[in-house]
Protein backbone atom coordinates (compact mmCIF):
# COMPACT_ATOMS: atom_id res chain seq x y z
CA MET A 1 9.76 -114.31 -7.88
CA LEU A 2 6.75 -116.59 -7.25
CA ARG A 3 8.80 -119.09 -5.29
CA ILE A 4 10.11 -116.27 -3.01
CA VAL A 5 6.63 -115.00 -2.62
CA GLY A 6 5.23 -118.34 -1.65
CA GLU A 7 7.99 -119.02 0.94
CA LEU A 8 7.93 -115.70 2.44
CA LYS A 9 4.11 -114.87 2.36
CA PRO A 10 4.63 -111.25 2.80
CA GLN A 11 1.07 -109.04 2.94
CA TYR A 12 2.05 -107.02 -0.02
CA VAL A 13 4.04 -107.72 -3.18
CA VAL A 14 4.79 -104.98 -5.54
CA PHE A 15 6.27 -105.34 -8.96
CA GLU A 16 6.58 -103.43 -12.25
CA ASN A 17 7.56 -104.33 -16.01
CA VAL A 18 7.29 -103.08 -19.37
CA PRO A 19 3.69 -102.95 -21.18
CA PRO A 20 4.05 -106.42 -22.92
CA LEU A 21 3.56 -107.78 -19.45
CA LEU A 22 -0.10 -107.27 -19.84
CA LYS A 23 -0.26 -110.22 -22.34
CA TYR A 24 0.35 -112.60 -19.47
CA ARG A 25 -1.83 -110.93 -16.78
CA HIS A 26 -4.30 -113.84 -16.48
CA ARG A 27 -1.35 -116.26 -16.11
CA VAL A 28 0.25 -114.27 -13.47
CA ASP A 29 -3.13 -113.65 -11.81
CA ASN A 30 -3.83 -117.48 -11.61
CA ASP A 31 -0.22 -117.88 -10.20
CA LEU A 32 -0.99 -115.32 -7.66
CA ARG A 33 -4.11 -117.00 -6.68
CA GLY A 34 -2.66 -120.16 -5.98
CA LEU A 35 -0.54 -118.49 -3.36
CA GLY A 36 -3.48 -116.70 -1.93
CA TYR A 37 -3.18 -113.33 -3.51
CA GLY A 38 -5.28 -110.90 -5.30
CA ALA A 39 -3.68 -108.28 -7.52
CA ILE A 40 -4.57 -104.61 -8.87
CA TRP A 41 -2.68 -103.96 -12.22
CA GLN A 42 -2.33 -100.44 -13.85
CA THR A 43 -0.40 -98.84 -16.44
CA MET A 44 1.24 -95.52 -15.52
CA ALA A 45 3.80 -93.21 -17.35
CA ALA A 46 6.33 -90.96 -15.82
CA GLU A 47 4.35 -88.11 -17.59
CA ASP A 48 1.38 -88.87 -15.48
CA VAL A 49 3.22 -87.64 -12.27
CA GLY A 50 4.80 -84.44 -13.87
CA ALA A 51 7.84 -85.78 -15.59
CA PRO A 52 8.51 -84.39 -19.17
CA HIS A 53 9.16 -87.88 -20.54
CA ARG A 54 7.14 -91.07 -20.89
CA ARG A 55 8.56 -94.20 -19.45
CA LEU A 56 5.33 -96.25 -19.59
CA ARG A 57 5.23 -99.16 -17.37
CA VAL A 58 2.81 -101.85 -15.67
CA TRP A 59 2.57 -101.71 -11.99
CA VAL A 60 1.17 -104.49 -9.98
CA LEU A 61 0.25 -104.74 -6.43
CA ALA A 62 -0.68 -108.07 -4.95
CA VAL A 63 -2.25 -108.52 -1.40
CA ARG A 64 -2.38 -111.65 0.53
CA GLY A 65 -6.13 -112.71 1.30
CA LEU A 66 -7.31 -110.13 -1.22
CA ALA A 67 -10.31 -111.63 -3.55
CA GLN A 68 -9.95 -108.96 -6.26
CA TRP A 69 -8.21 -109.09 -9.80
CA GLU A 70 -8.48 -105.72 -11.43
CA LEU A 71 -6.91 -103.60 -14.20
CA LEU A 72 -7.10 -99.97 -13.32
CA PRO A 73 -7.46 -97.32 -16.33
CA ARG A 74 -4.32 -95.08 -16.94
CA PRO A 75 -4.84 -92.13 -14.54
CA SER A 76 -4.71 -88.59 -15.46
CA ALA A 77 -1.99 -86.28 -14.09
CA GLN A 78 -4.68 -83.69 -13.04
CA GLY A 79 -5.88 -85.84 -10.28
CA ASP A 80 -5.72 -84.76 -6.68
CA LEU A 81 -3.42 -88.00 -5.93
CA PHE A 82 -0.81 -86.61 -8.27
CA ALA A 83 -0.82 -82.92 -7.13
CA PRO A 84 2.34 -83.22 -4.92
CA TRP A 85 4.17 -84.14 -8.23
CA VAL A 86 2.67 -82.39 -11.09
CA ASP A 87 3.94 -79.03 -12.08
CA SER A 88 1.59 -76.14 -12.03
CA GLU A 89 2.37 -75.58 -15.84
CA ALA A 90 1.88 -78.37 -18.13
CA VAL A 91 4.64 -79.70 -20.02
CA ASP A 92 4.18 -79.66 -23.84
CA GLY A 93 7.29 -81.21 -24.98
CA LEU A 94 8.34 -84.78 -23.80
CA TRP A 95 12.01 -85.98 -24.02
CA PRO A 96 13.02 -89.39 -24.94
CA THR A 97 13.12 -91.54 -22.00
CA ALA A 98 16.66 -92.45 -20.60
CA THR A 99 17.77 -96.01 -21.76
CA VAL A 100 20.75 -98.36 -21.06
CA ASN A 101 21.00 -99.25 -24.79
CA GLY A 102 24.27 -97.64 -26.19
CA ASN A 103 23.89 -94.92 -28.57
CA ARG A 104 20.15 -94.42 -27.96
CA ASN A 105 21.17 -92.86 -24.44
CA ARG A 106 24.93 -92.19 -23.97
CA ALA A 107 26.32 -91.33 -27.55
CA GLY A 108 23.52 -90.44 -29.93
CA LEU A 109 26.01 -90.21 -32.83
CA THR A 110 24.66 -92.25 -35.63
CA ALA A 111 21.32 -92.66 -37.56
CA LYS A 112 20.67 -95.94 -35.73
CA SER A 113 20.32 -94.02 -32.41
CA GLY A 114 16.75 -92.85 -33.51
CA ASP A 115 15.02 -90.36 -31.31
CA GLY A 116 17.22 -91.31 -28.27
CA LEU A 117 17.70 -88.88 -25.59
CA ALA A 118 21.28 -88.13 -26.44
CA THR A 119 20.38 -87.54 -30.09
CA ALA A 120 17.52 -85.20 -28.80
CA LEU A 121 19.75 -83.17 -26.70
CA LYS A 122 22.43 -82.63 -29.35
CA GLN A 123 19.82 -80.34 -30.98
CA TYR A 124 20.61 -77.94 -28.34
CA GLY A 125 24.43 -77.74 -28.36
CA SER A 126 27.46 -79.91 -28.31
CA GLY A 127 28.71 -82.38 -25.72
CA THR A 128 27.41 -85.54 -24.00
CA PRO A 129 24.43 -85.86 -21.74
CA ASN A 130 25.02 -84.65 -18.32
CA PRO A 131 24.19 -87.29 -15.64
CA ALA A 132 23.22 -84.58 -13.27
CA TRP A 133 20.41 -83.20 -15.67
CA VAL A 134 19.36 -86.78 -16.42
CA GLU A 135 18.79 -87.46 -12.57
CA LEU A 136 16.33 -84.56 -12.54
CA LEU A 137 14.62 -86.06 -15.60
CA MET A 138 14.43 -89.33 -13.76
CA GLY A 139 12.96 -87.90 -10.63
CA TYR A 140 16.15 -87.92 -8.58
CA PRO A 141 17.98 -85.07 -6.85
CA VAL A 142 21.11 -83.84 -8.43
CA GLY A 143 23.96 -86.06 -7.46
CA TRP A 144 21.77 -89.08 -6.66
CA THR A 145 24.07 -91.51 -8.81
CA ASN A 146 27.29 -89.66 -7.87
CA PRO A 147 29.17 -91.54 -5.04
CA ASP A 148 31.00 -88.31 -4.32
CA ASP A 149 27.96 -86.18 -3.54
CA ASP A 150 25.53 -86.40 -0.84
CA ALA A 151 22.48 -85.45 -2.98
CA SER A 152 20.84 -83.60 -0.07
CA GLY A 153 19.02 -81.11 -2.53
CA ALA A 154 15.48 -81.11 -3.38
CA HIS A 155 14.21 -82.73 -6.61
CA ALA A 156 12.40 -80.48 -9.23
CA TRP A 157 11.32 -81.45 -12.79
CA PRO A 158 13.57 -80.33 -15.73
CA SER A 159 11.94 -78.22 -18.49
CA GLY A 160 10.13 -80.05 -21.25
CA ARG A 161 11.76 -80.52 -24.78
CA GLY A 162 11.83 -77.27 -26.78
CA GLU A 163 11.38 -75.12 -23.48
CA GLN A 164 13.92 -72.78 -22.04
CA GLN A 165 15.80 -74.35 -19.16
CA HIS A 166 14.66 -73.62 -15.47
CA GLU A 167 17.19 -71.83 -13.24
CA HIS A 168 17.51 -74.72 -10.95
CA GLU A 169 18.67 -77.17 -13.91
CA PRO A 170 22.24 -78.14 -14.28
CA PRO A 171 23.51 -77.92 -17.95
CA ARG A 172 22.06 -80.56 -20.24
CA LEU A 173 25.34 -81.25 -21.84
CA VAL A 174 28.91 -81.59 -20.75
CA PRO A 175 31.94 -81.80 -22.43
CA PRO A 176 33.28 -85.44 -23.09
CA LYS A 177 35.24 -87.21 -20.36
CA SER A 178 34.61 -84.02 -18.09
CA VAL A 179 32.48 -86.06 -15.61
CA ARG A 180 33.73 -88.89 -13.62
CA ASN A 181 31.82 -92.35 -14.04
CA ARG A 182 29.55 -90.56 -16.40
CA GLY A 183 28.66 -93.67 -18.50
CA ALA A 184 27.79 -95.79 -15.61
CA ARG A 185 25.60 -93.10 -14.01
CA LEU A 186 23.58 -92.76 -17.11
CA LYS A 187 23.40 -96.57 -17.40
CA ALA A 188 22.05 -96.85 -13.88
CA LEU A 189 19.39 -93.99 -14.69
CA GLY A 190 18.45 -95.45 -17.84
CA ASN A 191 17.71 -98.49 -16.04
CA ALA A 192 15.76 -96.91 -13.22
CA VAL A 193 12.08 -96.32 -12.48
CA VAL A 194 10.69 -92.91 -11.71
CA PRO A 195 10.20 -92.90 -7.94
CA GLN A 196 7.41 -90.44 -7.96
CA CYS A 197 5.69 -92.77 -10.24
CA ALA A 198 6.39 -95.81 -8.30
CA GLU A 199 4.76 -94.02 -5.03
CA ALA A 200 1.90 -93.05 -7.18
CA ALA A 201 1.12 -96.34 -8.47
CA ILE A 202 1.35 -98.04 -5.06
CA LEU A 203 -0.85 -95.33 -3.36
CA ARG A 204 -3.45 -95.61 -6.31
CA ALA A 205 -3.42 -99.50 -6.00
CA LEU A 206 -4.05 -99.28 -2.32
CA ALA A 207 -7.10 -96.82 -2.62
CA ALA A 208 -8.62 -99.41 -5.00
CA VAL A 209 -8.13 -102.05 -2.56
CA GLY A 210 -9.77 -99.92 0.14
CA PRO A 211 -9.79 -100.31 3.97
């Protein structure tokens, strides 16, 4: 990535990763400094923008010519910046975040699946996780991962764990083999970032950089 940044020299570079990336912050900052970039770092979770699950990630905005290297504190979901995404009613129960790791997301049938999303959903009925419902959980409109759907509807967060479903939500579970490309769609969602979180992180970093 650094090689590409050095060759193209874009004004802005955005990248995200899991929280252990923070262990390498000074090394990354030094590499970016050598290419003429400053960087704004922050941790932000999906729940910080209203999602009923955590998905904590590190977000970095590097700016060419910026003489600033800063780690912002994790935000509060109550700030004005997050008003477009945060539900007016606080979500008490958080779902496990969708993952790409076998039983932890797609089957949830064994003791080894721990508190994976599929295991949590099985407390509310029989079946397998519905990709349409997981799309809402991850911040996308219903049908976003379905190649046969135009996904033109608006997104709205699903209810939290332990709460009654909202009227706009599709079923959380579907019968096995009833949804085309179900496994591939769940894998894509488990590997995705929450777009509302990405937008909020970029806007917050830009605000820290100033005019």
